[in-house]
């Protein structure tokens, strides 16, 4: 699995969860991470997903976002 493919998938699922602001929030969060996006390891990617999920107001949508992303990451392995 390429990191870029995983980030693209996260971006799509995050947009489904919160709408068009997902792109902005994801880019802002990526800018705060010390590791360049193309060098993210699985642990940092999981941390990124967790941090993104807390921006989702609805608990149901938050859980669904986490479930969808983690299932897709698992399928890419």
PDB file of N, CA and C in Angstrom:
ATOM      1  N   UNK A   1       0.844  -1.169   0.000  1.00  0.00           N
ATOM      2  CA  UNK A   1       0.000   0.000   0.000  1.00  0.00           C
ATOM      3  C   UNK A   1       0.890   1.233   0.000  1.00  0.00           C
ATOM      4  N   UNK A   2       0.631   2.138  -0.901  1.00  0.00           N
ATOM      5  CA  UNK A   2       1.390   3.382  -0.905  1.00  0.00           C
ATOM      6  C   UNK A   2       0.746   4.352   0.084  1.00  0.00           C
ATOM      7  N   UNK A   3       1.581   5.166   0.684  1.00  0.00           N
ATOM      8  CA  UNK A   3       1.101   6.159   1.626  1.00  0.00           C
ATOM      9  C   UNK A   3       0.157   7.139   0.925  1.00  0.00           C
ATOM     10  N   UNK A   4       0.493   7.519  -0.287  1.00  0.00           N
ATOM     11  CA  UNK A   4      -0.355   8.468  -1.021  1.00  0.00           C
ATOM     12  C   UNK A   4      -1.740   7.887  -1.269  1.00  0.00           C
ATOM     13  N   UNK A   5      -1.790   6.603  -1.610  1.00  0.00           N
ATOM     14  CA  UNK A   5      -3.083   5.952  -1.831  1.00  0.00           C
ATOM     15  C   UNK A   5      -3.891   5.943  -0.526  1.00  0.00           C
ATOM     16  N   UNK A   6      -3.232   5.644   0.579  1.00  0.00           N
ATOM     17  CA  UNK A   6      -3.907   5.620   1.872  1.00  0.00           C
ATOM     18  C   UNK A   6      -4.418   7.018   2.235  1.00  0.00           C
ATOM     19  N   UNK A   7      -3.601   8.048   2.004  1.00  0.00           N
ATOM     20  CA  UNK A   7      -4.026   9.417   2.301  1.00  0.00           C
ATOM     21  C   UNK A   7      -5.193   9.846   1.418  1.00  0.00           C
ATOM     22  N   UNK A   8      -5.176   9.437   0.168  1.00  0.00           N
ATOM     23  CA  UNK A   8      -6.291   9.741  -0.733  1.00  0.00           C
ATOM     24  C   UNK A   8      -7.576   9.103  -0.221  1.00  0.00           C
ATOM     25  N   UNK A   9      -7.469   7.875   0.241  1.00  0.00           N
ATOM     26  CA  UNK A   9      -8.624   7.162   0.763  1.00  0.00           C
ATOM     27  C   UNK A   9      -9.131   7.843   2.031  1.00  0.00           C
ATOM     28  N   UNK A  10      -8.225   8.263   2.912  1.00  0.00           N
ATOM     29  CA  UNK A  10      -8.617   8.982   4.124  1.00  0.00           C
ATOM     30  C   UNK A  10      -9.328  10.280   3.745  1.00  0.00           C
ATOM     31  N   UNK A  11      -8.794  10.981   2.761  1.00  0.00           N
ATOM     32  CA  UNK A  11      -9.389  12.248   2.319  1.00  0.00           C
ATOM     33  C   UNK A  11     -10.830  12.027   1.817  1.00  0.00           C
ATOM     34  N   UNK A  12     -11.053  10.977   1.046  1.00  0.00           N
ATOM     35  CA  UNK A  12     -12.393  10.678   0.528  1.00  0.00           C
ATOM     36  C   UNK A  12     -13.357  10.369   1.669  1.00  0.00           C
ATOM     37  N   UNK A  13     -12.935   9.514   2.582  1.00  0.00           N
ATOM     38  CA  UNK A  13     -13.813   9.141   3.700  1.00  0.00           C
ATOM     39  C   UNK A  13     -14.071  10.327   4.626  1.00  0.00           C
ATOM     40  N   UNK A  14     -13.059  11.148   4.828  1.00  0.00           N
ATOM     41  CA  UNK A  14     -13.222  12.317   5.695  1.00  0.00           C
ATOM     42  C   UNK A  14     -14.178  13.324   5.063  1.00  0.00           C
ATOM     43  N   UNK A  15     -14.098  13.478   3.761  1.00  0.00           N
ATOM     44  CA  UNK A  15     -15.021  14.362   3.052  1.00  0.00           C
ATOM     45  C   UNK A  15     -16.450  13.846   3.168  1.00  0.00           C
ATOM     46  N   UNK A  16     -16.617  12.540   3.107  1.00  0.00           N
ATOM     47  CA  UNK A  16     -17.960  11.965   3.296  1.00  0.00           C
ATOM     48  C   UNK A  16     -18.481  12.257   4.698  1.00  0.00           C
ATOM     49  N   UNK A  17     -17.583  12.276   5.669  1.00  0.00           N
ATOM     50  CA  UNK A  17     -17.984  12.454   7.063  1.00  0.00           C
ATOM     51  C   UNK A  17     -18.299  13.909   7.412  1.00  0.00           C
ATOM     52  N   UNK A  18     -17.497  14.865   6.891  1.00  0.00           N
ATOM     53  CA  UNK A  18     -17.696  16.253   7.326  1.00  0.00           C
ATOM     54  C   UNK A  18     -17.931  17.247   6.198  1.00  0.00           C
ATOM     55  N   UNK A  19     -17.783  16.815   4.963  1.00  0.00           N
ATOM     56  CA  UNK A  19     -18.032  17.719   3.850  1.00  0.00           C
ATOM     57  C   UNK A  19     -16.764  18.365   3.314  1.00  0.00           C
ATOM     58  N   UNK A  20     -16.921  19.459   2.569  1.00  0.00           N
ATOM     59  CA  UNK A  20     -15.800  20.048   1.836  1.00  0.00           C
ATOM     60  C   UNK A  20     -14.678  20.624   2.699  1.00  0.00           C
ATOM     61  N   UNK A  21     -14.916  20.881   3.973  1.00  0.00           N
ATOM     62  CA  UNK A  21     -13.854  21.382   4.840  1.00  0.00           C
ATOM     63  C   UNK A  21     -12.816  20.303   5.156  1.00  0.00           C
ATOM     64  N   UNK A  22     -13.119  19.072   4.825  1.00  0.00           N
ATOM     65  CA  UNK A  22     -12.206  17.965   5.107  1.00  0.00           C
ATOM     66  C   UNK A  22     -10.833  18.211   4.495  1.00  0.00           C
ATOM     67  N   UNK A  23     -10.808  18.699   3.283  1.00  0.00           N
ATOM     68  CA  UNK A  23      -9.548  18.939   2.577  1.00  0.00           C
ATOM     69  C   UNK A  23      -8.675  19.920   3.366  1.00  0.00           C
ATOM     70  N   UNK A  24      -9.281  20.997   3.830  1.00  0.00           N
ATOM     71  CA  UNK A  24      -8.551  22.025   4.580  1.00  0.00           C
ATOM     72  C   UNK A  24      -8.041  21.466   5.902  1.00  0.00           C
ATOM     73  N   UNK A  25      -8.911  20.793   6.651  1.00  0.00           N
ATOM     74  CA  UNK A  25      -8.519  20.257   7.950  1.00  0.00           C
ATOM     75  C   UNK A  25      -7.430  19.200   7.825  1.00  0.00           C
ATOM     76  N   UNK A  26      -7.542  18.352   6.821  1.00  0.00           N
ATOM     77  CA  UNK A  26      -6.521  17.326   6.617  1.00  0.00           C
ATOM     78  C   UNK A  26      -5.177  17.956   6.279  1.00  0.00           C
ATOM     79  N   UNK A  27      -5.179  18.931   5.400  1.00  0.00           N
ATOM     80  CA  UNK A  27      -3.921  19.609   5.046  1.00  0.00           C
ATOM     81  C   UNK A  27      -3.314  20.333   6.244  1.00  0.00           C
ATOM     82  N   UNK A  28      -4.144  20.964   7.060  1.00  0.00           N
ATOM     83  CA  UNK A  28      -3.641  21.636   8.253  1.00  0.00           C
ATOM     84  C   UNK A  28      -3.014  20.642   9.222  1.00  0.00           C
ATOM     85  N   UNK A  29      -3.666  19.526   9.408  1.00  0.00           N
ATOM     86  CA  UNK A  29      -3.132  18.511  10.312  1.00  0.00           C
ATOM     87  C   UNK A  29      -1.838  17.920   9.768  1.00  0.00           C
ATOM     88  N   UNK A  30      -1.789  17.659   8.479  1.00  0.00           N
ATOM     89  CA  UNK A  30      -0.557  17.138   7.880  1.00  0.00           C
ATOM     90  C   UNK A  30       0.602  18.115   8.059  1.00  0.00           C
ATOM     91  N   UNK A  31       0.310  19.400   8.039  1.00  0.00           N
ATOM     92  CA  UNK A  31       1.351  20.413   8.214  1.00  0.00           C
ATOM     93  C   UNK A  31       1.915  20.408   9.633  1.00  0.00           C
ATOM     94  N   UNK A  32       1.141  19.933  10.597  1.00  0.00           N
ATOM     95  CA  UNK A  32       1.610  19.906  11.983  1.00  0.00           C
ATOM     96  C   UNK A  32       2.417  18.653  12.318  1.00  0.00           C
ATOM     97  N   UNK A  33       2.332  17.648  11.483  1.00  0.00           N
ATOM     98  CA  UNK A  33       3.057  16.405  11.730  1.00  0.00           C
ATOM     99  C   UNK A  33       4.507  16.574  11.279  1.00  0.00           C
ATOM    100  N   UNK A  34       5.421  16.125  12.093  1.00  0.00           N
ATOM    101  CA  UNK A  34       6.844  16.297  11.811  1.00  0.00           C
ATOM    102  C   UNK A  34       7.323  15.484  10.614  1.00  0.00           C
ATOM    103  N   UNK A  35       6.596  14.452  10.270  1.00  0.00           N
ATOM    104  CA  UNK A  35       6.980  13.562   9.176  1.00  0.00           C
ATOM    105  C   UNK A  35       6.328  14.011   7.880  1.00  0.00           C
ATOM    106  N   UNK A  36       7.086  14.095   6.788  1.00  0.00           N
ATOM    107  CA  UNK A  36       6.462  14.410   5.493  1.00  0.00           C
ATOM    108  C   UNK A  36       5.405  13.344   5.150  1.00  0.00           C
ATOM    109  N   UNK A  37       4.295  13.758   4.550  1.00  0.00           N
ATOM    110  CA  UNK A  37       3.209  12.806   4.261  1.00  0.00           C
ATOM    111  C   UNK A  37       3.664  11.552   3.520  1.00  0.00           C
ATOM    112  N   UNK A  38       4.578  11.697   2.583  1.00  0.00           N
ATOM    113  CA  UNK A  38       5.006  10.526   1.803  1.00  0.00           C
ATOM    114  C   UNK A  38       5.841   9.539   2.621  1.00  0.00           C
ATOM    115  N   UNK A  39       6.258   9.930   3.831  1.00  0.00           N
ATOM    116  CA  UNK A  39       7.064   9.054   4.683  1.00  0.00           C
ATOM    117  C   UNK A  39       6.304   8.559   5.909  1.00  0.00           C
ATOM    118  N   UNK A  40       4.998   8.785   5.947  1.00  0.00           N
ATOM    119  CA  UNK A  40       4.207   8.356   7.093  1.00  0.00           C
ATOM    120  C   UNK A  40       4.253   6.837   7.241  1.00  0.00           C
ATOM    121  N   UNK A  41       4.419   6.400   8.455  1.00  0.00           N
ATOM    122  CA  UNK A  41       4.343   4.985   8.787  1.00  0.00           C
ATOM    123  C   UNK A  41       2.930   4.688   9.273  1.00  0.00           C
ATOM    124  N   UNK A  42       2.604   3.419   9.406  1.00  0.00           N
ATOM    125  CA  UNK A  42       1.257   3.017   9.801  1.00  0.00           C
ATOM    126  C   UNK A  42       0.847   3.649  11.130  1.00  0.00           C
ATOM    127  N   UNK A  43       1.744   3.689  12.101  1.00  0.00           N
ATOM    128  CA  UNK A  43       1.418   4.269  13.400  1.00  0.00           C
ATOM    129  C   UNK A  43       1.028   5.731  13.292  1.00  0.00           C
ATOM    130  N   UNK A  44       1.745   6.501  12.492  1.00  0.00           N
ATOM    131  CA  UNK A  44       1.420   7.920  12.298  1.00  0.00           C
ATOM    132  C   UNK A  44       0.112   8.072  11.537  1.00  0.00           C
ATOM    133  N   UNK A  45      -0.144   7.164  10.609  1.00  0.00           N
ATOM    134  CA  UNK A  45      -1.388   7.224   9.839  1.00  0.00           C
ATOM    135  C   UNK A  45      -2.582   6.962  10.756  1.00  0.00           C
ATOM    136  N   UNK A  46      -2.447   6.001  11.653  1.00  0.00           N
ATOM    137  CA  UNK A  46      -3.516   5.716  12.614  1.00  0.00           C
ATOM    138  C   UNK A  46      -3.713   6.915  13.539  1.00  0.00           C
ATOM    139  N   UNK A  47      -2.622   7.548  13.964  1.00  0.00           N
ATOM    140  CA  UNK A  47      -2.706   8.752  14.793  1.00  0.00           C
ATOM    141  C   UNK A  47      -3.427   9.873  14.038  1.00  0.00           C
ATOM    142  N   UNK A  48      -3.112  10.017  12.771  1.00  0.00           N
ATOM    143  CA  UNK A  48      -3.752  11.030  11.935  1.00  0.00           C
ATOM    144  C   UNK A  48      -5.258  10.784  11.860  1.00  0.00           C
ATOM    145  N   UNK A  49      -5.648   9.552  11.659  1.00  0.00           N
ATOM    146  CA  UNK A  49      -7.068   9.188  11.586  1.00  0.00           C
ATOM    147  C   UNK A  49      -7.761   9.513  12.903  1.00  0.00           C
ATOM    148  N   UNK A  50      -7.109   9.184  13.997  1.00  0.00           N
ATOM    149  CA  UNK A  50      -7.680   9.465  15.315  1.00  0.00           C
ATOM    150  C   UNK A  50      -7.859  10.969  15.522  1.00  0.00           C
ATOM    151  N   UNK A  51      -6.853  11.743  15.183  1.00  0.00           N
ATOM    152  CA  UNK A  51      -6.930  13.201  15.356  1.00  0.00           C
ATOM    153  C   UNK A  51      -7.996  13.805  14.446  1.00  0.00           C
ATOM    154  N   UNK A  52      -8.105  13.325  13.236  1.00  0.00           N
ATOM    155  CA  UNK A  52      -9.141  13.817  12.328  1.00  0.00           C
ATOM    156  C   UNK A  52     -10.530  13.497  12.854  1.00  0.00           C
ATOM    157  N   UNK A  53     -10.673  12.326  13.411  1.00  0.00           N
ATOM    158  CA  UNK A  53     -12.002  11.885  13.839  1.00  0.00           C
ATOM    159  C   UNK A  53     -12.583  12.775  14.932  1.00  0.00           C
ATOM    160  N   UNK A  54     -11.741  13.411  15.720  1.00  0.00           N
ATOM    161  CA  UNK A  54     -12.266  14.250  16.799  1.00  0.00           C
ATOM    162  C   UNK A  54     -12.836  15.562  16.286  1.00  0.00           C
ATOM    163  N   UNK A  55     -12.644  15.860  15.026  1.00  0.00           N
ATOM    164  CA  UNK A  55     -13.273  17.037  14.416  1.00  0.00           C
ATOM    165  C   UNK A  55     -14.692  16.731  13.947  1.00  0.00           C
ATOM    166  N   UNK A  56     -15.075  15.468  13.998  1.00  0.00           N
ATOM    167  CA  UNK A  56     -16.409  15.047  13.564  1.00  0.00           C
ATOM    168  C   UNK A  56     -17.343  15.151  14.768  1.00  0.00           C
ATOM    169  N   UNK A  57     -18.311  16.029  14.679  1.00  0.00           N
ATOM    170  CA  UNK A  57     -19.204  16.320  15.803  1.00  0.00           C
ATOM    171  C   UNK A  57     -20.080  15.127  16.200  1.00  0.00           C
ATOM    172  N   UNK A  58     -20.622  14.458  15.222  1.00  0.00           N
ATOM    173  CA  UNK A  58     -21.520  13.341  15.491  1.00  0.00           C
ATOM    174  C   UNK A  58     -20.711  12.102  15.864  1.00  0.00           C
ATOM    175  N   UNK A  59     -21.035  11.540  17.015  1.00  0.00           N
ATOM    176  CA  UNK A  59     -20.326  10.327  17.442  1.00  0.00           C
ATOM    177  C   UNK A  59     -20.552   9.194  16.446  1.00  0.00           C
ATOM    178  N   UNK A  60     -21.757   9.091  15.935  1.00  0.00           N
ATOM    179  CA  UNK A  60     -22.076   8.037  14.971  1.00  0.00           C
ATOM    180  C   UNK A  60     -21.221   8.197  13.709  1.00  0.00           C
ATOM    181  N   UNK A  61     -21.121   9.412  13.189  1.00  0.00           N
ATOM    182  CA  UNK A  61     -20.294   9.651  11.997  1.00  0.00           C
ATOM    183  C   UNK A  61     -18.809   9.432  12.293  1.00  0.00           C
ATOM    184  N   UNK A  62     -18.386   9.823  13.508  1.00  0.00           N
ATOM    185  CA  UNK A  62     -16.995   9.640  13.910  1.00  0.00           C
ATOM    186  C   UNK A  62     -16.625   8.152  13.898  1.00  0.00           C
ATOM    187  N   UNK A  63     -17.452   7.358  14.520  1.00  0.00           N
ATOM    188  CA  UNK A  63     -17.205   5.914  14.582  1.00  0.00           C
ATOM    189  C   UNK A  63     -17.248   5.314  13.182  1.00  0.00           C
ATOM    190  N   UNK A  64     -18.207   5.749  12.383  1.00  0.00           N
ATOM    191  CA  UNK A  64     -18.319   5.228  11.011  1.00  0.00           C
ATOM    192  C   UNK A  64     -17.089   5.595  10.192  1.00  0.00           C
ATOM    193  N   UNK A  65     -16.597   6.821  10.315  1.00  0.00           N
ATOM    194  CA  UNK A  65     -15.380   7.248   9.623  1.00  0.00           C
ATOM    195  C   UNK A  65     -14.203   6.359  10.024  1.00  0.00           C
ATOM    196  N   UNK A  66     -14.022   6.175  11.316  1.00  0.00           N
ATOM    197  CA  UNK A  66     -12.908   5.343  11.784  1.00  0.00           C
ATOM    198  C   UNK A  66     -13.031   3.909  11.258  1.00  0.00           C
ATOM    199  N   UNK A  67     -14.231   3.369  11.332  1.00  0.00           N
ATOM    200  CA  UNK A  67     -14.453   1.995  10.877  1.00  0.00           C
ATOM    201  C   UNK A  67     -14.172   1.865   9.380  1.00  0.00           C
ATOM    202  N   UNK A  68     -14.711   2.795   8.580  1.00  0.00           N
ATOM    203  CA  UNK A  68     -14.519   2.741   7.128  1.00  0.00           C
ATOM    204  C   UNK A  68     -13.042   2.825   6.757  1.00  0.00           C
ATOM    205  N   UNK A  69     -12.345   3.785   7.369  1.00  0.00           N
ATOM    206  CA  UNK A  69     -10.934   3.980   7.035  1.00  0.00           C
ATOM    207  C   UNK A  69     -10.102   2.773   7.446  1.00  0.00           C
ATOM    208  N   UNK A  70     -10.304   2.297   8.657  1.00  0.00           N
ATOM    209  CA  UNK A  70      -9.502   1.164   9.123  1.00  0.00           C
ATOM    210  C   UNK A  70      -9.785  -0.103   8.323  1.00  0.00           C
ATOM    211  N   UNK A  71     -11.048  -0.311   7.937  1.00  0.00           N
ATOM    212  CA  UNK A  71     -11.373  -1.473   7.098  1.00  0.00           C
ATOM    213  C   UNK A  71     -10.682  -1.369   5.744  1.00  0.00           C
ATOM    214  N   UNK A  72     -10.675  -0.183   5.151  1.00  0.00           N
ATOM    215  CA  UNK A  72     -10.041  -0.005   3.854  1.00  0.00           C
ATOM    216  C   UNK A  72      -8.521  -0.150   3.952  1.00  0.00           C
ATOM    217  N   UNK A  73      -7.937   0.365   5.027  1.00  0.00           N
ATOM    218  CA  UNK A  73      -6.494   0.198   5.225  1.00  0.00           C
ATOM    219  C   UNK A  73      -6.142  -1.270   5.368  1.00  0.00           C
ATOM    220  N   UNK A  74      -6.954  -1.987   6.101  1.00  0.00           N
ATOM    221  CA  UNK A  74      -6.725  -3.419   6.285  1.00  0.00           C
ATOM    222  C   UNK A  74      -6.819  -4.153   4.945  1.00  0.00           C
ATOM    223  N   UNK A  75      -7.758  -3.764   4.119  1.00  0.00           N
ATOM    224  CA  UNK A  75      -7.928  -4.402   2.811  1.00  0.00           C
ATOM    225  C   UNK A  75      -6.747  -4.112   1.879  1.00  0.00           C
ATOM    226  N   UNK A  76      -6.086  -2.975   2.086  1.00  0.00           N
ATOM    227  CA  UNK A  76      -4.948  -2.597   1.234  1.00  0.00           C
ATOM    228  C   UNK A  76      -3.664  -3.324   1.609  1.00  0.00           C
ATOM    229  N   UNK A  77      -3.613  -3.891   2.775  1.00  0.00           N
ATOM    230  CA  UNK A  77      -2.386  -4.558   3.237  1.00  0.00           C
ATOM    231  C   UNK A  77      -2.027  -5.736   2.419  1.00  0.00           C
TER     232      UNK A  77
END
